[in-house]
Amino acid sequence: MNNGRETFSNKLGFIIVSVSCAIGLGNIWLMPYRAGTYGGALYIFLVAAFIFLFAVPVLLTEYTVGRGSGQSGAKAFEVLPPGGFWKSNGYIGIIGNYVLLMFYVMICGFALAYLGKGVTGSLIGLPPEEITAAWGALTGSAGQSWLYMFVIVAAGMAVTYVGLRKGIERIGKIMMAIFFVLIVILLFRAVTLPGAGEGLRFLFVPSLDAMREHGTFRILHMAMGQSLFSLSVGIGSMTVFGSYVNRDRKLFKDAFTVGALDLSIIVLCLLMIFPAAFAFGIPATAGEALLFVTLPNIFNAMPAAYVWSLLFYVGLAFVAFSTAAAVMENLTAIGMDKFGWTRGKSAIVNFFLLLALCTPSAFTRNIWFGFSPGPFPHLGAFFTFLAMEIILPIGALLYVLFCTSKKGWGWKNFFAEANAGTEGWTFPAALRFYMTFILPIIIVLVLVFGQIQRWVLGPMGILI
């Protein structure tokens, strides 16, 4: 089912846009943050396992629902039978996409600001403490934060306004190619710094200390949320890309490929950041500042520091922006599918809506500094919690149940659509039991016990 809908120019375009949607959101910014907090190697191993056991199957359901309906996630559950209760997942997806952008757009804005610093070379030659101070000065300025947020929203909606092939697909191909080359070069420099060995041990030698500190189910829950977040699945972000795919090939190979590429980028990003962090004495638990404090120190330790820092910040801004634009494409498609708007009208409406929704995050670290929503240090942390720990797992569970339950679209329809076409891998029928029973049960258990441990029990050693 395609309904005259735009399509990708080729398979590469589909893969690149899917990967670009995933990478910025999950890998470059949040994965180093979470890996540093939750114990390094063990957490990384769990995320890798969950990507293939959980996230890739959910990604396949999103692609299949999108292609089968020819609609974005907001409308797909109204088009495919049986409707009714399942329509609620469309609304969960709409909310989830906005929540994602409410904190991610600000991170994109910081990436854009550091592109400016790369152009001017203002961080070149500075000692580590002054690099840290520069990060604090940026986040502490309400005017700068809002301006960079505005530019990202305006540019992202402009790309979606142009169209699928000329907009998000073209931008994604260019930006991902540049970023991949640069990250490989920079990680080689990072791992050869004096003292980088400690960082490599942190990444590859597992320890149970984090489970003792945070609790087993808490770590499992965060790793599950990270895997879903890393692939941007559970809220329909990938469903819209499935709706742009022709029925000439099977979808399992594409889903697996996106998962494998995503995990590869995770490893590359971690190898780029943590060896350098340990080499410069920056704690692994430094949080999101790892991206904006650690990397400038790497450049200052390299010959031709200005050239490499400029190239990296170009790549960073590109990949961050391509991710934001990919999610905005989904919101634009929602307006078109759900309300019958033209692409231009949907882009304009979402532009003003996102400006309003993203403004709180721009003020989180300055005007509203000190405001803590409950136990969360700031609004950005609260939005991250909603997305990763609540909305994504629930959305992922509903997608799986919809595609496997007799009261949903059902296994027969899902299996037939996933395997339509002649090119690619056939999704094995033998996985029906896993998809129908084991996967939903595990998602529920990890979600429920993770929240119980977070709010009620607290960490209780490595057993619970």
Protein backbone atom coordinates (compact mmCIF):
# COMPACT_ATOMS: atom_id res chain seq x y z
CA MET A 1 0.00 0.00 0.00
CA ASN A 2 1.56 3.27 -1.08
CA ASN A 3 -1.27 5.65 -2.08
CA GLY A 4 0.92 7.73 -4.39
CA ARG A 5 3.19 8.55 -1.44
CA GLU A 6 6.74 9.85 -1.90
CA THR A 7 9.39 7.15 -1.85
CA PHE A 8 13.13 7.00 -1.27
CA SER A 9 15.27 7.15 -4.40
CA ASN A 10 16.95 3.84 -3.54
CA LYS A 11 17.73 1.39 -0.74
CA LEU A 12 20.77 3.37 0.37
CA GLY A 13 18.64 6.44 0.93
CA PHE A 14 16.27 4.45 3.15
CA ILE A 15 19.12 3.00 5.23
CA ILE A 16 20.98 6.31 5.55
CA VAL A 17 17.92 8.27 6.67
CA SER A 18 17.01 5.54 9.17
CA VAL A 19 20.53 5.50 10.59
CA SER A 20 20.77 9.28 10.71
CA CYS A 21 17.50 9.39 12.65
CA ALA A 22 18.94 6.99 15.20
CA ILE A 23 22.55 8.08 15.61
CA GLY A 24 22.33 11.61 16.92
CA LEU A 25 19.56 10.85 19.37
CA GLY A 26 21.08 7.81 20.97
CA ASN A 27 24.76 7.45 20.32
CA ILE A 28 26.83 10.59 20.31
CA TRP A 29 25.21 12.41 23.21
CA LEU A 30 23.25 10.11 25.52
CA MET A 31 25.12 6.80 25.19
CA PRO A 32 28.43 8.17 26.54
CA TYR A 33 26.45 9.92 29.29
CA ARG A 34 24.66 6.71 30.32
CA ALA A 35 27.67 4.44 29.84
CA GLY A 36 29.67 6.65 32.18
CA THR A 37 26.92 6.62 34.78
CA TYR A 38 25.99 2.95 34.63
CA GLY A 39 29.31 1.21 34.60
CA GLY A 40 30.87 1.16 31.16
CA ALA A 41 31.46 -2.31 29.70
CA LEU A 42 28.55 -4.13 31.34
CA TYR A 43 26.06 -1.47 30.34
CA ILE A 44 27.45 -1.38 26.79
CA PHE A 45 27.12 -5.16 26.50
CA LEU A 46 23.51 -5.02 27.71
CA VAL A 47 22.63 -2.24 25.26
CA ALA A 48 24.19 -4.24 22.41
CA ALA A 49 22.18 -7.33 23.38
CA PHE A 50 18.95 -5.34 23.69
CA ILE A 51 19.47 -3.71 20.28
CA PHE A 52 19.24 -7.09 18.55
CA LEU A 53 16.85 -8.83 20.94
CA PHE A 54 14.44 -5.92 21.41
CA ALA A 55 15.06 -2.86 19.24
CA VAL A 56 15.57 -4.54 15.85
CA PRO A 57 12.35 -6.60 16.14
CA VAL A 58 10.46 -3.43 17.13
CA LEU A 59 12.08 -1.57 14.24
CA LEU A 60 10.86 -4.30 11.90
CA THR A 61 7.30 -3.90 13.22
CA GLU A 62 7.50 -0.13 12.63
CA TYR A 63 8.76 -0.53 9.07
CA THR A 64 6.09 -3.13 8.38
CA VAL A 65 3.23 -1.11 9.86
CA GLY A 66 4.40 1.93 7.90
CA ARG A 67 4.62 0.14 4.57
CA GLY A 68 1.48 -1.88 5.16
CA SER A 69 -0.57 1.23 5.90
CA GLY A 70 1.21 3.74 3.68
CA GLN A 71 0.89 6.17 6.58
CA SER A 72 2.87 7.68 9.45
CA GLY A 73 2.53 6.15 12.91
CA ALA A 74 -0.20 8.63 13.82
CA LYS A 75 -2.59 7.33 11.14
CA ALA A 76 -1.37 3.77 10.53
CA PHE A 77 -3.42 2.28 13.36
CA GLU A 78 -6.56 3.83 11.91
CA VAL A 79 -5.90 2.40 8.45
CA LEU A 80 -4.86 -1.12 9.41
CA PRO A 81 -7.45 -3.36 11.08
CA PRO A 82 -8.85 -3.66 13.68
CA GLY A 83 -8.63 0.01 14.81
CA GLY A 84 -10.34 0.61 18.15
CA PHE A 85 -7.97 0.51 21.12
CA TRP A 86 -4.91 0.37 18.87
CA LYS A 87 -5.50 3.92 17.71
CA SER A 88 -4.11 5.03 21.09
CA ASN A 89 -0.62 4.00 19.98
CA GLY A 90 -0.80 6.63 17.26
CA TYR A 91 -1.37 9.30 19.89
CA ILE A 92 1.43 7.91 22.06
CA GLY A 93 3.70 8.24 19.06
CA ILE A 94 2.70 11.84 18.42
CA ILE A 95 3.40 12.77 22.04
CA GLY A 96 6.66 10.81 22.04
CA ASN A 97 8.06 12.55 18.98
CA TYR A 98 7.39 15.97 20.44
CA VAL A 99 8.88 14.98 23.80
CA LEU A 100 12.03 13.74 22.05
CA LEU A 101 12.50 17.04 20.27
CA MET A 102 11.71 19.07 23.38
CA PHE A 103 15.13 18.18 24.81
CA TYR A 104 17.05 16.99 21.74
CA VAL A 105 16.69 20.22 19.76
CA MET A 106 18.61 22.02 22.49
CA ILE A 107 21.48 19.53 22.24
CA CYS A 108 21.50 20.17 18.48
CA GLY A 109 21.70 23.88 19.27
CA PHE A 110 24.78 23.31 21.41
CA ALA A 111 26.34 21.33 18.53
CA LEU A 112 25.68 24.31 16.26
CA ALA A 113 27.26 26.66 18.79
CA TYR A 114 30.38 24.50 18.88
CA LEU A 115 30.51 24.60 15.09
CA GLY A 116 30.85 28.36 15.52
CA LYS A 117 33.65 27.83 18.03
CA GLY A 118 35.31 25.50 15.54
CA VAL A 119 35.17 28.16 12.82
CA THR A 120 36.63 30.86 15.07
CA GLY A 121 39.11 28.50 16.76
CA SER A 122 38.16 29.98 20.13
CA LEU A 123 38.86 26.74 22.00
CA ILE A 124 42.22 26.03 20.40
CA GLY A 125 45.08 26.06 22.90
CA LEU A 126 42.89 26.53 25.97
CA PRO A 127 43.65 24.52 29.12
CA PRO A 128 40.99 22.00 30.23
CA GLU A 129 39.54 24.28 32.91
CA GLU A 130 38.88 27.08 30.41
CA ILE A 131 37.26 24.64 27.99
CA THR A 132 34.95 23.60 30.82
CA ALA A 133 34.20 27.26 31.56
CA ALA A 134 33.30 27.88 27.90
CA TRP A 135 30.69 25.13 28.08
CA GLY A 136 29.23 26.67 31.23
CA ALA A 137 29.11 30.12 29.63
CA LEU A 138 27.15 28.79 26.65
CA THR A 139 24.57 26.86 28.65
CA GLY A 140 24.25 29.74 31.13
CA SER A 141 23.20 32.23 28.45
CA ALA A 142 19.44 32.27 27.85
CA GLY A 143 19.78 34.39 24.72
CA GLN A 144 22.33 32.15 23.02
CA SER A 145 20.51 28.97 23.99
CA TRP A 146 17.19 30.18 22.59
CA LEU A 147 18.78 31.52 19.41
CA TYR A 148 20.52 28.24 18.59
CA MET A 149 17.33 26.34 19.35
CA PHE A 150 15.42 28.64 16.99
CA VAL A 151 17.92 28.09 14.17
CA ILE A 152 17.70 24.28 14.49
CA VAL A 153 13.90 24.28 14.46
CA ALA A 154 13.74 26.70 11.53
CA ALA A 155 16.35 24.82 9.47
CA GLY A 156 14.83 21.41 10.23
CA MET A 157 11.35 22.42 9.22
CA ALA A 158 12.75 24.08 6.10
CA VAL A 159 14.31 20.75 5.07
CA THR A 160 11.02 18.90 5.55
CA TYR A 161 9.25 21.64 3.61
CA VAL A 162 11.42 20.89 0.57
CA GLY A 163 10.35 17.24 0.41
CA LEU A 164 11.61 13.71 1.07
CA ARG A 165 14.24 13.13 -1.64
CA LYS A 166 15.45 16.71 -2.06
CA GLY A 167 15.27 17.38 1.66
CA ILE A 168 15.90 14.78 4.35
CA GLU A 169 17.34 12.05 2.08
CA ARG A 170 19.89 14.32 0.37
CA ILE A 171 20.93 15.98 3.62
CA GLY A 172 21.26 12.63 5.40
CA LYS A 173 23.56 11.10 2.78
CA ILE A 174 25.97 14.03 2.78
CA MET A 175 26.08 14.57 6.51
CA MET A 176 26.44 10.91 7.50
CA ALA A 177 29.33 10.34 5.08
CA ILE A 178 31.28 13.30 6.47
CA PHE A 179 30.61 12.34 10.08
CA PHE A 180 31.63 8.69 9.68
CA VAL A 181 35.01 9.53 8.15
CA LEU A 182 35.77 12.11 10.83
CA ILE A 183 34.81 9.92 13.77
CA VAL A 184 37.11 7.11 12.62
CA ILE A 185 40.05 9.50 12.32
CA LEU A 186 39.41 11.04 15.73
CA LEU A 187 39.05 7.77 17.58
CA PHE A 188 42.49 6.67 16.38
CA ARG A 189 43.92 9.82 17.93
CA ALA A 190 41.97 9.29 21.14
CA VAL A 191 43.13 5.71 21.72
CA THR A 192 46.79 6.69 21.21
CA LEU A 193 46.79 9.42 23.89
CA PRO A 194 48.89 8.74 27.01
CA GLY A 195 46.61 7.26 29.66
CA ALA A 196 43.97 6.13 27.15
CA GLY A 197 44.34 2.53 28.31
CA GLU A 198 42.21 3.20 31.39
CA GLY A 199 39.41 4.36 29.17
CA LEU A 200 39.66 1.22 27.04
CA ARG A 201 39.50 -0.94 30.17
CA PHE A 202 36.40 0.97 31.27
CA LEU A 203 34.78 0.21 27.91
CA PHE A 204 35.72 -3.45 27.57
CA VAL A 205 36.27 -4.94 31.05
CA PRO A 206 32.90 -5.56 32.76
CA SER A 207 32.33 -4.75 36.42
CA LEU A 208 29.34 -5.42 38.69
CA ASP A 209 29.92 -2.25 40.71
CA ALA A 210 27.20 -0.34 38.84
CA MET A 211 24.65 -3.07 39.57
CA ARG A 212 25.55 -2.90 43.25
CA GLU A 213 25.17 0.87 43.19
CA HIS A 214 22.01 1.23 41.08
CA GLY A 215 20.40 -2.23 41.18
CA THR A 216 20.11 -4.95 38.56
CA PHE A 217 16.66 -4.11 37.22
CA ARG A 218 17.52 -0.42 37.15
CA ILE A 219 20.51 -1.15 34.90
CA LEU A 220 18.46 -3.52 32.73
CA HIS A 221 15.69 -0.95 32.41
CA MET A 222 18.07 1.82 31.39
CA ALA A 223 19.80 -0.46 28.87
CA MET A 224 16.46 -1.45 27.35
CA GLY A 225 15.38 2.17 27.09
CA GLN A 226 18.75 3.09 25.60
CA SER A 227 18.46 0.43 22.91
CA LEU A 228 15.01 1.65 21.89
CA PHE A 229 16.14 5.27 22.09
CA SER A 230 19.25 4.49 20.08
CA LEU A 231 17.16 3.22 17.16
CA SER A 232 14.37 5.76 17.73
CA VAL A 233 11.75 3.01 17.90
CA GLY A 234 8.54 2.72 19.86
CA ILE A 235 6.96 6.06 18.94
CA GLY A 236 6.55 5.79 15.18
CA SER A 237 9.67 7.75 14.22
CA MET A 238 10.65 4.90 11.92
CA THR A 239 7.12 4.00 10.83
CA VAL A 240 7.01 6.96 8.50
CA PHE A 241 10.16 5.80 6.71
CA GLY A 242 8.57 2.38 6.18
CA SER A 243 5.65 4.15 4.51
CA TYR A 244 8.10 5.56 1.94
CA VAL A 245 9.42 2.10 0.94
CA ASN A 246 8.20 0.20 -2.12
CA ARG A 247 7.07 -3.42 -1.79
CA ASP A 248 9.87 -4.81 -3.94
CA ARG A 249 12.02 -6.04 -1.06
CA LYS A 250 11.75 -7.75 2.31
CA LEU A 251 12.27 -5.57 5.38
CA PHE A 252 14.16 -7.78 7.84
CA LYS A 253 17.59 -7.25 6.30
CA ASP A 254 17.08 -3.48 6.33
CA ALA A 255 16.06 -3.51 10.01
CA PHE A 256 19.03 -5.69 10.94
CA THR A 257 21.42 -3.53 8.91
CA VAL A 258 20.24 -0.35 10.62
CA GLY A 259 20.68 -2.04 14.02
CA ALA A 260 24.20 -3.23 13.17
CA LEU A 261 25.25 0.18 11.84
CA ASP A 262 23.78 1.86 14.89
CA LEU A 263 25.74 -0.40 17.24
CA SER A 264 28.91 0.18 15.20
CA ILE A 265 28.53 3.93 15.59
CA ILE A 266 27.94 3.50 19.33
CA VAL A 267 31.25 1.68 19.68
CA LEU A 268 33.09 4.23 17.53
CA CYS A 269 31.70 7.15 19.54
CA LEU A 270 32.63 5.54 22.84
CA LEU A 271 36.14 4.79 21.58
CA MET A 272 36.47 8.41 20.55
CA ILE A 273 35.31 9.86 23.88
CA PHE A 274 36.26 7.68 26.86
CA PRO A 275 39.96 7.03 26.20
CA ALA A 276 40.37 10.80 25.83
CA ALA A 277 38.31 11.46 28.94
CA PHE A 278 40.54 9.23 31.06
CA ALA A 279 43.67 10.62 29.41
CA PHE A 280 42.71 14.17 30.47
CA GLY A 281 41.41 13.21 33.89
CA ILE A 282 37.77 13.96 33.06
CA PRO A 283 35.48 11.65 35.08
CA ALA A 284 33.43 9.11 33.15
CA THR A 285 30.35 10.37 34.99
CA ALA A 286 30.74 13.92 33.63
CA GLY A 287 27.44 13.47 31.76
CA GLU A 288 26.49 15.34 28.61
CA ALA A 289 29.51 17.62 28.99
CA LEU A 290 31.67 14.71 27.83
CA LEU A 291 30.73 15.68 24.29
CA PHE A 292 31.53 19.35 24.71
CA VAL A 293 34.43 19.22 27.17
CA THR A 294 36.34 16.04 26.29
CA LEU A 295 36.55 16.46 22.53
CA PRO A 296 38.12 19.95 22.51
CA ASN A 297 40.92 18.51 24.63
CA ILE A 298 41.50 15.82 22.01
CA PHE A 299 41.87 18.43 19.30
CA ASN A 300 44.34 20.45 21.35
CA ALA A 301 46.50 17.34 21.64
CA MET A 302 46.59 16.87 17.86
CA PRO A 303 48.75 18.52 15.21
CA ALA A 304 46.70 20.94 13.08
CA ALA A 305 44.20 21.22 15.93
CA TYR A 306 42.18 23.92 14.17
CA VAL A 307 41.62 21.82 11.06
CA TRP A 308 40.49 18.71 12.94
CA SER A 309 38.29 20.58 15.40
CA LEU A 310 36.59 22.46 12.57
CA LEU A 311 36.00 19.28 10.58
CA PHE A 312 34.61 17.45 13.58
CA TYR A 313 32.25 20.23 14.59
CA VAL A 314 31.00 20.35 11.02
CA GLY A 315 30.33 16.62 11.21
CA LEU A 316 28.80 16.85 14.68
CA ALA A 317 26.45 19.65 13.67
CA PHE A 318 25.53 17.79 10.49
CA VAL A 319 24.66 14.49 12.17
CA ALA A 320 22.82 16.18 15.04
CA PHE A 321 20.82 18.26 12.59
CA SER A 322 20.05 15.32 10.30
CA THR A 323 18.55 13.46 13.28
CA ALA A 324 16.40 16.41 14.29
CA ALA A 325 15.27 16.86 10.70
CA ALA A 326 14.39 13.16 10.42
CA VAL A 327 12.11 13.37 13.47
CA MET A 328 10.63 16.61 12.13
CA GLU A 329 9.90 14.79 8.87
CA ASN A 330 7.81 12.39 10.91
CA LEU A 331 5.89 15.27 12.50
CA THR A 332 5.34 16.81 9.08
CA ALA A 333 4.02 13.49 7.77
CA ILE A 334 1.71 13.26 10.79
CA GLY A 335 0.14 16.59 9.88
CA MET A 336 -0.28 15.46 6.28
CA ASP A 337 -1.73 12.04 7.12
CA LYS A 338 -3.77 12.90 10.20
CA PHE A 339 -5.22 16.27 9.20
CA GLY A 340 -4.91 16.27 5.41
CA TRP A 341 -2.58 19.28 5.37
CA THR A 342 -0.19 19.98 2.54
CA ARG A 343 3.49 19.37 3.27
CA GLY A 344 4.10 23.11 3.43
CA LYS A 345 1.27 23.82 5.86
CA SER A 346 2.30 20.93 8.14
CA ALA A 347 5.90 22.17 8.20
CA ILE A 348 4.83 25.71 9.09
CA VAL A 349 2.41 24.62 11.84
CA ASN A 350 5.03 22.34 13.37
CA PHE A 351 7.61 25.11 13.21
CA PHE A 352 5.59 27.34 15.53
CA LEU A 353 4.52 24.44 17.72
CA LEU A 354 8.10 23.26 18.21
CA LEU A 355 9.28 26.77 19.03
CA ALA A 356 6.80 26.86 21.90
CA LEU A 357 7.53 23.34 23.12
CA CYS A 358 11.34 23.58 22.94
CA THR A 359 11.68 26.99 24.61
CA PRO A 360 11.57 25.55 28.18
CA SER A 361 14.66 23.44 27.46
CA ALA A 362 16.51 26.53 26.22
CA PHE A 363 15.93 28.17 29.61
CA THR A 364 16.60 25.10 31.75
CA ARG A 365 20.26 25.88 32.48
CA ASN A 366 19.95 29.66 32.85
CA ILE A 367 16.70 31.51 33.63
CA TRP A 368 15.15 28.45 35.24
CA PHE A 369 18.38 27.19 36.77
CA GLY A 370 17.59 25.56 40.09
CA PHE A 371 14.06 24.58 39.10
CA SER A 372 13.80 20.85 39.64
CA PRO A 373 10.68 18.95 38.55
CA GLY A 374 10.48 16.43 41.35
CA PRO A 375 13.68 14.39 41.71
CA PHE A 376 15.00 15.45 38.31
CA PRO A 377 17.79 18.06 38.19
CA HIS A 378 16.15 19.99 35.33
CA LEU A 379 13.42 19.81 32.70
CA GLY A 380 15.71 18.17 30.15
CA ALA A 381 16.28 15.24 32.51
CA PHE A 382 12.53 14.96 33.07
CA PHE A 383 11.81 14.89 29.33
CA THR A 384 14.53 12.26 28.88
CA PHE A 385 12.92 10.15 31.61
CA LEU A 386 9.50 10.38 29.96
CA ALA A 387 10.89 9.40 26.56
CA MET A 388 13.34 6.64 27.48
CA GLU A 389 11.77 5.04 30.53
CA ILE A 390 8.04 5.40 29.88
CA ILE A 391 6.92 6.31 26.36
CA LEU A 392 9.41 4.27 24.31
CA PRO A 393 8.95 0.94 26.16
CA ILE A 394 5.15 1.26 26.21
CA GLY A 395 5.07 2.22 22.53
CA ALA A 396 7.41 -0.64 21.62
CA LEU A 397 5.23 -3.09 23.54
CA LEU A 398 2.10 -1.92 21.70
CA TYR A 399 3.80 -2.20 18.30
CA VAL A 400 4.83 -5.79 19.03
CA LEU A 401 1.40 -6.75 20.37
CA PHE A 402 -0.34 -5.10 17.42
CA CYS A 403 1.74 -7.14 14.96
CA THR A 404 1.45 -10.47 16.78
CA SER A 405 -1.88 -10.51 18.62
CA LYS A 406 -5.07 -11.97 17.17
CA LYS A 407 -6.84 -8.87 18.48
CA GLY A 408 -4.45 -6.64 16.57
CA TRP A 409 -3.25 -6.65 12.98
CA GLY A 410 -2.06 -10.17 13.61
CA TRP A 411 0.99 -12.29 12.86
CA LYS A 412 -0.28 -13.41 9.46
CA ASN A 413 -0.58 -9.87 8.11
CA PHE A 414 2.66 -8.72 9.74
CA PHE A 415 4.61 -11.72 8.45
CA ALA A 416 3.26 -11.34 4.91
CA GLU A 417 4.06 -7.62 4.74
CA ALA A 418 7.54 -7.98 6.27
CA ASN A 419 8.41 -10.63 3.68
CA ALA A 420 6.79 -9.00 0.65
CA GLY A 421 9.14 -8.61 -2.29
CA THR A 422 11.98 -10.70 -3.65
CA GLU A 423 15.07 -8.85 -2.42
CA GLY A 424 16.53 -9.16 1.09
CA TRP A 425 16.22 -11.63 3.99
CA THR A 426 13.10 -13.55 4.91
CA PHE A 427 12.01 -12.96 8.48
CA PRO A 428 12.00 -16.47 10.04
CA ALA A 429 8.60 -17.93 10.92
CA ALA A 430 10.34 -19.72 13.78
CA LEU A 431 10.57 -16.39 15.63
CA ARG A 432 6.80 -16.18 16.00
CA PHE A 433 6.81 -17.61 19.55
CA TYR A 434 9.57 -15.22 20.62
CA MET A 435 7.85 -12.18 19.12
CA THR A 436 4.39 -13.15 20.40
CA PHE A 437 5.15 -14.23 23.96
CA ILE A 438 8.73 -13.86 25.14
CA LEU A 439 9.49 -10.34 23.88
CA PRO A 440 6.32 -8.68 25.27
CA ILE A 441 6.72 -10.39 28.66
CA ILE A 442 10.36 -9.32 28.99
CA ILE A 443 9.51 -5.72 28.05
CA VAL A 444 6.77 -5.64 30.70
CA LEU A 445 8.98 -7.19 33.39
CA VAL A 446 11.92 -4.88 32.78
CA LEU A 447 9.64 -1.82 32.57
CA VAL A 448 7.70 -2.59 35.75
CA PHE A 449 10.55 -3.80 37.94
CA GLY A 450 12.84 -1.03 36.66
CA GLN A 451 10.33 1.58 37.83
CA ILE A 452 9.75 -0.21 41.14
CA GLN A 453 13.46 -0.25 41.79
CA ARG A 454 13.80 3.41 40.83
CA TRP A 455 10.96 4.75 42.96
CA VAL A 456 10.26 2.16 45.68
CA LEU A 457 13.03 -0.31 46.43
CA GLY A 458 16.14 1.55 45.45
CA PRO A 459 19.37 -0.33 44.64
CA MET A 460 19.60 -3.68 46.40
CA GLY A 461 22.81 -5.31 45.28
CA ILE A 462 23.20 -7.41 42.16
CA LEU A 463 20.24 -9.71 42.81
CA ILE A 464 17.48 -7.15 42.45
